[in-house]
Amino acid sequence: GRLTTIETIDEYASKFGLGESTGIELPESKGLLASPKHREEIGAEWYPGDVLQAAIGQSDNMFTPAQLAEYISTFLNKGKRVGLHLLDEVASYDTNQVVYKKEPEILSDTPISDSTYEAVRDGMRQVVSSGTARAAFATSKYKAAGKTGTAEVPDGADNVLFVGFAPYEQPEIAVAVRIANG
């Protein structure tokens, strides 16, 4: 994180949808990317060590589950970020004719090299097959991949997080699950 710089981390996080609007058809929080600019806006100081905290997803970072699922989807699309939506199409009750169709909207395109894609995909598979999410998927009938996370909470048990996708071979879904005080 230190060598990458907070500016580069935030640039790529934004391109993958973190701290950005998803396009979903509901009111949403934009979330927050940790940065010196944010600290200045709230009257606080940014320290060099904050880059290290931000690089592992801590510090001032705050993302919605929708943003995290979109982030996973963007990764699976090799850097192409497609806006989220809840409604695909609406058909007339009487005629079954489509009266509304939501067309996919490309919000950004940041290509990922094949070697990077495979390395991250493999690492996410290992989290589920032999890592921190192993027990949750021990009896699963399909192969999945993901990443776990933990956020410390001042008053209570830590918040826990899982982001992932399935099936591993031909991904069809991206998920983000947060359990408060989990």
Protein backbone atom coordinates (compact mmCIF):
# COMPACT_ATOMS: atom_id res chain seq x y z
CA GLY A 1 0.00 0.00 0.00
CA ARG A 2 2.77 2.42 0.87
CA LEU A 3 4.51 1.91 -2.47
CA THR A 4 1.25 2.05 -4.41
CA THR A 5 0.17 5.37 -2.78
CA ILE A 6 -3.27 6.31 -1.54
CA GLU A 7 -3.97 8.22 -4.74
CA THR A 8 -3.48 5.11 -6.90
CA ILE A 9 -5.40 2.88 -4.46
CA ASP A 10 -8.34 5.30 -4.51
CA GLU A 11 -8.20 5.72 -8.29
CA TYR A 12 -8.58 1.99 -8.87
CA ALA A 13 -11.08 1.53 -6.04
CA SER A 14 -13.27 4.19 -7.69
CA LYS A 15 -12.96 2.55 -11.10
CA PHE A 16 -14.17 -0.70 -9.51
CA GLY A 17 -17.14 1.08 -7.90
CA LEU A 18 -16.00 1.57 -4.31
CA GLY A 19 -17.10 4.94 -2.96
CA GLU A 20 -19.22 5.48 -6.10
CA SER A 21 -22.92 5.32 -6.87
CA THR A 22 -23.93 1.91 -8.24
CA GLY A 23 -26.83 3.08 -10.41
CA ILE A 24 -29.34 0.94 -8.49
CA GLU A 25 -32.96 2.08 -8.60
CA LEU A 26 -33.09 2.90 -4.90
CA PRO A 27 -31.70 5.72 -2.79
CA GLU A 28 -28.19 4.73 -1.80
CA SER A 29 -25.16 5.86 0.11
CA LYS A 30 -22.13 6.67 -1.99
CA GLY A 31 -19.86 5.22 0.68
CA LEU A 32 -16.46 6.65 1.42
CA LEU A 33 -12.90 6.14 0.24
CA ALA A 34 -10.20 6.88 2.78
CA SER A 35 -8.05 9.78 1.60
CA PRO A 36 -6.12 12.84 2.73
CA LYS A 37 -8.85 14.98 1.10
CA HIS A 38 -11.57 13.39 3.24
CA ARG A 39 -9.53 13.88 6.39
CA GLU A 40 -9.00 17.53 5.50
CA GLU A 41 -12.75 17.96 4.91
CA ILE A 42 -13.51 16.69 8.43
CA GLY A 43 -10.74 18.75 10.02
CA ALA A 44 -8.44 15.82 10.77
CA GLU A 45 -4.90 14.97 9.72
CA TRP A 46 -3.81 12.20 7.35
CA TYR A 47 -0.73 10.32 8.49
CA PRO A 48 1.57 8.14 6.32
CA GLY A 49 0.50 5.05 8.28
CA ASP A 50 -3.11 5.66 7.22
CA VAL A 51 -2.19 4.46 3.73
CA LEU A 52 -1.37 1.03 5.17
CA GLN A 53 -4.71 0.88 6.98
CA ALA A 54 -6.59 1.97 3.85
CA ALA A 55 -4.74 -0.60 1.70
CA ILE A 56 -6.21 -3.45 3.76
CA GLY A 57 -9.71 -1.97 3.68
CA GLN A 58 -9.70 -0.26 7.04
CA SER A 59 -9.07 3.40 7.93
CA ASP A 60 -11.98 5.64 6.86
CA ASN A 61 -13.24 3.28 4.13
CA MET A 62 -16.99 2.66 4.21
CA PHE A 63 -18.70 0.71 1.44
CA THR A 64 -22.22 -0.59 0.99
CA PRO A 65 -22.91 -4.28 0.34
CA ALA A 66 -24.18 -3.24 -3.11
CA GLN A 67 -20.84 -1.54 -3.88
CA LEU A 68 -18.95 -4.61 -2.69
CA ALA A 69 -21.03 -6.95 -4.86
CA GLU A 70 -20.53 -4.58 -7.81
CA TYR A 71 -16.78 -4.62 -7.08
CA ILE A 72 -16.77 -8.44 -7.32
CA SER A 73 -18.85 -8.31 -10.49
CA THR A 74 -16.43 -5.77 -11.99
CA PHE A 75 -13.53 -8.07 -11.18
CA LEU A 76 -15.33 -11.02 -12.82
CA ASN A 77 -15.94 -8.84 -15.89
CA LYS A 78 -12.17 -8.19 -16.01
CA GLY A 79 -12.54 -4.53 -15.10
CA LYS A 80 -15.79 -3.65 -16.88
CA ARG A 81 -18.13 -2.07 -14.31
CA VAL A 82 -21.80 -2.44 -15.17
CA GLY A 83 -24.35 -0.46 -13.19
CA LEU A 84 -26.45 -2.47 -10.75
CA HIS A 85 -30.17 -2.73 -11.16
CA LEU A 86 -33.04 -4.57 -9.53
CA LEU A 87 -35.41 -4.57 -12.47
CA ASP A 88 -34.56 -6.26 -15.75
CA GLU A 89 -37.83 -5.80 -17.60
CA VAL A 90 -41.54 -5.16 -17.17
CA ALA A 91 -44.14 -6.97 -19.26
CA SER A 92 -47.79 -6.08 -19.71
CA TYR A 93 -50.09 -8.31 -17.69
CA ASP A 94 -52.59 -8.50 -20.52
CA THR A 95 -50.35 -8.99 -23.54
CA ASN A 96 -47.11 -10.16 -21.97
CA GLN A 97 -45.43 -7.60 -24.21
CA VAL A 98 -42.29 -5.97 -22.78
CA VAL A 99 -43.09 -2.36 -21.90
CA TYR A 100 -39.79 -1.56 -20.16
CA LYS A 101 -36.34 -3.07 -20.55
CA LYS A 102 -33.32 -1.98 -18.50
CA GLU A 103 -30.29 -1.97 -20.77
CA PRO A 104 -26.88 -2.60 -19.17
CA GLU A 105 -24.90 0.58 -18.57
CA ILE A 106 -21.10 0.44 -18.60
CA LEU A 107 -19.93 2.82 -15.86
CA SER A 108 -16.19 2.27 -16.34
CA ASP A 109 -13.76 -0.08 -18.03
CA THR A 110 -10.37 -0.74 -16.45
CA PRO A 111 -8.91 -3.86 -18.07
CA ILE A 112 -7.24 -6.47 -15.85
CA SER A 113 -4.41 -8.60 -17.22
CA ASP A 114 -5.07 -12.34 -17.50
CA SER A 115 -2.24 -13.10 -15.04
CA THR A 116 -3.64 -10.70 -12.41
CA TYR A 117 -7.16 -12.00 -12.95
CA GLU A 118 -6.10 -15.62 -12.49
CA ALA A 119 -3.95 -14.85 -9.43
CA VAL A 120 -6.79 -13.04 -7.64
CA ARG A 121 -9.35 -15.67 -8.67
CA ASP A 122 -7.11 -18.45 -7.40
CA GLY A 123 -6.50 -16.62 -4.12
CA MET A 124 -10.24 -16.16 -3.64
CA ARG A 125 -10.79 -19.86 -4.30
CA GLN A 126 -8.21 -20.73 -1.65
CA VAL A 127 -10.05 -18.58 0.91
CA VAL A 128 -13.08 -20.85 0.43
CA SER A 129 -11.30 -24.18 -0.05
CA SER A 130 -8.60 -23.95 2.62
CA GLY A 131 -8.76 -20.51 4.23
CA THR A 132 -10.94 -18.40 6.48
CA ALA A 133 -14.23 -19.33 4.73
CA ARG A 134 -13.44 -23.06 4.55
CA ALA A 135 -15.95 -24.15 7.21
CA ALA A 136 -18.83 -22.20 5.65
CA PHE A 137 -18.39 -24.01 2.33
CA ALA A 138 -17.31 -27.45 3.59
CA THR A 139 -20.55 -29.16 2.51
CA SER A 140 -21.31 -26.98 -0.50
CA LYS A 141 -22.43 -28.74 -3.68
CA TYR A 142 -20.68 -26.14 -5.84
CA LYS A 143 -17.28 -24.46 -5.92
CA ALA A 144 -17.25 -20.84 -4.81
CA ALA A 145 -14.56 -18.25 -4.22
CA GLY A 146 -14.40 -15.21 -1.98
CA LYS A 147 -12.73 -13.06 0.60
CA THR A 148 -13.52 -12.57 4.25
CA GLY A 149 -13.03 -9.40 6.25
CA THR A 150 -13.39 -8.17 9.80
CA ALA A 151 -14.10 -4.64 10.98
CA GLU A 152 -13.41 -3.80 14.59
CA VAL A 153 -16.30 -2.16 16.43
CA PRO A 154 -15.73 -0.05 19.55
CA ASP A 155 -18.79 -1.35 21.42
CA GLY A 156 -19.38 -5.03 20.72
CA ALA A 157 -18.20 -7.91 18.61
CA ASP A 158 -16.52 -7.27 15.28
CA ASN A 159 -18.53 -6.85 12.09
CA VAL A 160 -17.79 -9.67 9.64
CA LEU A 161 -17.88 -9.60 5.87
CA PHE A 162 -17.80 -12.04 3.00
CA VAL A 163 -17.63 -11.12 -0.68
CA GLY A 164 -17.50 -13.75 -3.35
CA PHE A 165 -18.85 -15.46 -6.41
CA ALA A 166 -20.13 -18.81 -7.62
CA PRO A 167 -19.86 -21.15 -9.30
CA TYR A 168 -16.11 -20.88 -9.51
CA GLU A 169 -15.76 -22.32 -13.02
CA GLN A 170 -18.47 -20.17 -14.69
CA PRO A 171 -19.47 -17.36 -12.29
CA GLU A 172 -23.16 -16.46 -12.34
CA ILE A 173 -23.55 -14.53 -9.09
CA ALA A 174 -21.55 -12.05 -7.06
CA VAL A 175 -22.41 -11.61 -3.38
CA ALA A 176 -21.58 -9.40 -0.44
CA VAL A 177 -22.71 -10.35 3.08
CA ARG A 178 -22.16 -8.23 6.20
CA ILE A 179 -23.08 -9.42 9.67
CA ALA A 180 -23.06 -6.70 12.30
CA ASN A 181 -21.43 -7.87 15.52
CA GLY A 182 -20.98 -11.29 13.91
